[in-house]
Amino acid sequence: MTEVAAIGHNQPPEPTPFEKCRDEVDELYSEAEGWLDGVAIETKGQADGLSTLINLIRDSRKRADEARKTENEPFDTGKAEVQARYNPLLKRCDL
């Protein structure tokens, strides 16, 4: 028997941490490009806006790096385990 689809079953999947970071960085990058028009900053409001944007970009970079570390952790752990197994064998060969 086939299962009846519930309301909302065809919603897109949740974005991955990478996709969330990418979308955030892309949005901030586009905003930053608008500031690179060669026009000098003339008011305190413009300076404050740019300062806020710079802080948002720094925070976004930190979040992206943390997401990268989290996603990379299983590979780092696995690599360390393989290296630990092979190190005694390789040392023995060197002797």
C-alpha atoms as a PDB file:
ATOM      1  CA  MET A   1       0.000   0.000   0.000  1.00  0.00           C
ATOM      2  CA  THR A   2       1.340   3.450  -0.813  1.00  0.00           C
ATOM      3  CA  GLU A   3       1.700   6.071   1.876  1.00  0.00           C
ATOM      4  CA  VAL A   4      -0.400   9.201   1.572  1.00  0.00           C
ATOM      5  CA  ALA A   5       1.726  12.331   1.389  1.00  0.00           C
ATOM      6  CA  ALA A   6       1.223  14.738   4.263  1.00  0.00           C
ATOM      7  CA  ILE A   7       0.836  18.465   3.870  1.00  0.00           C
ATOM      8  CA  GLY A   8       4.215  20.038   3.226  1.00  0.00           C
ATOM      9  CA  HIS A   9       5.916  16.818   2.115  1.00  0.00           C
ATOM     10  CA  ASN A  10       7.279  18.482  -0.990  1.00  0.00           C
ATOM     11  CA  GLN A  11       9.196  21.218   0.816  1.00  0.00           C
ATOM     12  CA  PRO A  12      12.842  21.584  -0.107  1.00  0.00           C
ATOM     13  CA  PRO A  13      15.351  20.037   2.297  1.00  0.00           C
ATOM     14  CA  GLU A  14      16.988  22.182   4.946  1.00  0.00           C
ATOM     15  CA  PRO A  15      20.132  23.831   3.600  1.00  0.00           C
ATOM     16  CA  THR A  16      23.419  22.312   4.718  1.00  0.00           C
ATOM     17  CA  PRO A  17      25.759  24.311   6.972  1.00  0.00           C
ATOM     18  CA  PHE A  18      27.926  24.945   3.895  1.00  0.00           C
ATOM     19  CA  GLU A  19      24.966  26.255   1.916  1.00  0.00           C
ATOM     20  CA  LYS A  20      23.960  28.544   4.782  1.00  0.00           C
ATOM     21  CA  CYS A  21      27.494  29.931   5.055  1.00  0.00           C
ATOM     22  CA  ARG A  22      27.802  30.297   1.286  1.00  0.00           C
ATOM     23  CA  ASP A  23      24.529  32.199   1.032  1.00  0.00           C
ATOM     24  CA  GLU A  24      25.496  34.509   3.893  1.00  0.00           C
ATOM     25  CA  VAL A  25      28.953  35.196   2.450  1.00  0.00           C
ATOM     26  CA  ASP A  26      27.528  35.773  -1.036  1.00  0.00           C
ATOM     27  CA  GLU A  27      25.046  38.296   0.334  1.00  0.00           C
ATOM     28  CA  LEU A  28      27.719  40.161   2.302  1.00  0.00           C
ATOM     29  CA  TYR A  29      30.110  40.056  -0.655  1.00  0.00           C
ATOM     30  CA  SER A  30      27.480  41.627  -2.892  1.00  0.00           C
ATOM     31  CA  GLU A  31      26.913  44.341  -0.304  1.00  0.00           C
ATOM     32  CA  ALA A  32      30.662  44.967  -0.020  1.00  0.00           C
ATOM     33  CA  GLU A  33      30.962  45.316  -3.806  1.00  0.00           C
ATOM     34  CA  GLY A  34      28.587  48.266  -3.567  1.00  0.00           C
ATOM     35  CA  TRP A  35      31.110  50.054  -1.374  1.00  0.00           C
ATOM     36  CA  LEU A  36      33.894  49.604  -3.937  1.00  0.00           C
ATOM     37  CA  ASP A  37      32.621  52.249  -6.316  1.00  0.00           C
ATOM     38  CA  GLY A  38      35.523  54.612  -5.653  1.00  0.00           C
ATOM     39  CA  VAL A  39      33.408  57.192  -3.866  1.00  0.00           C
ATOM     40  CA  ALA A  40      34.984  58.451  -0.656  1.00  0.00           C
ATOM     41  CA  ILE A  41      33.197  57.993   2.651  1.00  0.00           C
ATOM     42  CA  GLU A  42      31.980  61.436   3.593  1.00  0.00           C
ATOM     43  CA  THR A  43      29.604  61.032   6.532  1.00  0.00           C
ATOM     44  CA  LYS A  44      29.629  59.345   9.887  1.00  0.00           C
ATOM     45  CA  GLY A  45      26.592  57.334   8.788  1.00  0.00           C
ATOM     46  CA  GLN A  46      28.511  55.934   5.824  1.00  0.00           C
ATOM     47  CA  ALA A  47      31.492  55.132   8.041  1.00  0.00           C
ATOM     48  CA  ASP A  48      29.247  53.423  10.585  1.00  0.00           C
ATOM     49  CA  GLY A  49      27.537  51.432   7.825  1.00  0.00           C
ATOM     50  CA  LEU A  50      30.858  50.267   6.453  1.00  0.00           C
ATOM     51  CA  SER A  51      32.117  49.409   9.927  1.00  0.00           C
ATOM     52  CA  THR A  52      28.991  47.336  10.546  1.00  0.00           C
ATOM     53  CA  LEU A  53      29.476  45.533   7.224  1.00  0.00           C
ATOM     54  CA  ILE A  54      33.111  44.763   8.038  1.00  0.00           C
ATOM     55  CA  ASN A  55      32.074  43.323  11.413  1.00  0.00           C
ATOM     56  CA  LEU A  56      29.364  41.209   9.761  1.00  0.00           C
ATOM     57  CA  ILE A  57      31.910  39.861   7.275  1.00  0.00           C
ATOM     58  CA  ARG A  58      34.333  38.983  10.089  1.00  0.00           C
ATOM     59  CA  ASP A  59      31.569  37.212  12.030  1.00  0.00           C
ATOM     60  CA  SER A  60      30.479  35.367   8.899  1.00  0.00           C
ATOM     61  CA  ARG A  61      34.039  34.183   8.310  1.00  0.00           C
ATOM     62  CA  LYS A  62      34.255  32.874  11.874  1.00  0.00           C
ATOM     63  CA  ARG A  63      30.991  30.944  11.442  1.00  0.00           C
ATOM     64  CA  ALA A  64      32.149  29.507   8.118  1.00  0.00           C
ATOM     65  CA  ASP A  65      35.467  28.408   9.622  1.00  0.00           C
ATOM     66  CA  GLU A  66      33.702  26.761  12.568  1.00  0.00           C
ATOM     67  CA  ALA A  67      31.337  24.945  10.181  1.00  0.00           C
ATOM     68  CA  ARG A  68      34.356  23.792   8.159  1.00  0.00           C
ATOM     69  CA  LYS A  69      36.085  22.480  11.281  1.00  0.00           C
ATOM     70  CA  THR A  70      32.953  20.632  12.375  1.00  0.00           C
ATOM     71  CA  GLU A  71      32.467  19.076   8.943  1.00  0.00           C
ATOM     72  CA  ASN A  72      36.156  18.196   8.669  1.00  0.00           C
ATOM     73  CA  GLU A  73      36.435  16.621  12.146  1.00  0.00           C
ATOM     74  CA  PRO A  74      35.574  13.022  11.151  1.00  0.00           C
ATOM     75  CA  PHE A  75      38.222  13.131   8.414  1.00  0.00           C
ATOM     76  CA  ASP A  76      40.850  14.547  10.757  1.00  0.00           C
ATOM     77  CA  THR A  77      40.059  11.884  13.354  1.00  0.00           C
ATOM     78  CA  GLY A  78      40.180   9.124  10.763  1.00  0.00           C
ATOM     79  CA  LYS A  79      43.440  10.417   9.348  1.00  0.00           C
ATOM     80  CA  ALA A  80      44.988  10.542  12.825  1.00  0.00           C
ATOM     81  CA  GLU A  81      43.906   6.954  13.507  1.00  0.00           C
ATOM     82  CA  VAL A  82      45.406   5.690  10.250  1.00  0.00           C
ATOM     83  CA  GLN A  83      48.618   7.638  10.864  1.00  0.00           C
ATOM     84  CA  ALA A  84      48.885   6.209  14.390  1.00  0.00           C
ATOM     85  CA  ARG A  85      48.553   2.669  13.018  1.00  0.00           C
ATOM     86  CA  TYR A  86      51.177   3.138  10.331  1.00  0.00           C
ATOM     87  CA  ASN A  87      53.742   5.151  12.332  1.00  0.00           C
ATOM     88  CA  PRO A  88      55.213   2.137  14.193  1.00  0.00           C
ATOM     89  CA  LEU A  89      55.448   0.187  10.947  1.00  0.00           C
ATOM     90  CA  LEU A  90      57.175   3.050   9.127  1.00  0.00           C
ATOM     91  CA  LYS A  91      59.550   3.661  12.045  1.00  0.00           C
ATOM     92  CA  ARG A  92      60.466  -0.014  12.027  1.00  0.00           C
ATOM     93  CA  CYS A  93      61.263   0.195   8.333  1.00  0.00           C
ATOM     94  CA  ASP A  94      63.477   3.216   8.953  1.00  0.00           C
ATOM     95  CA  LEU A  95      65.445   1.295  11.584  1.00  0.00           C
END
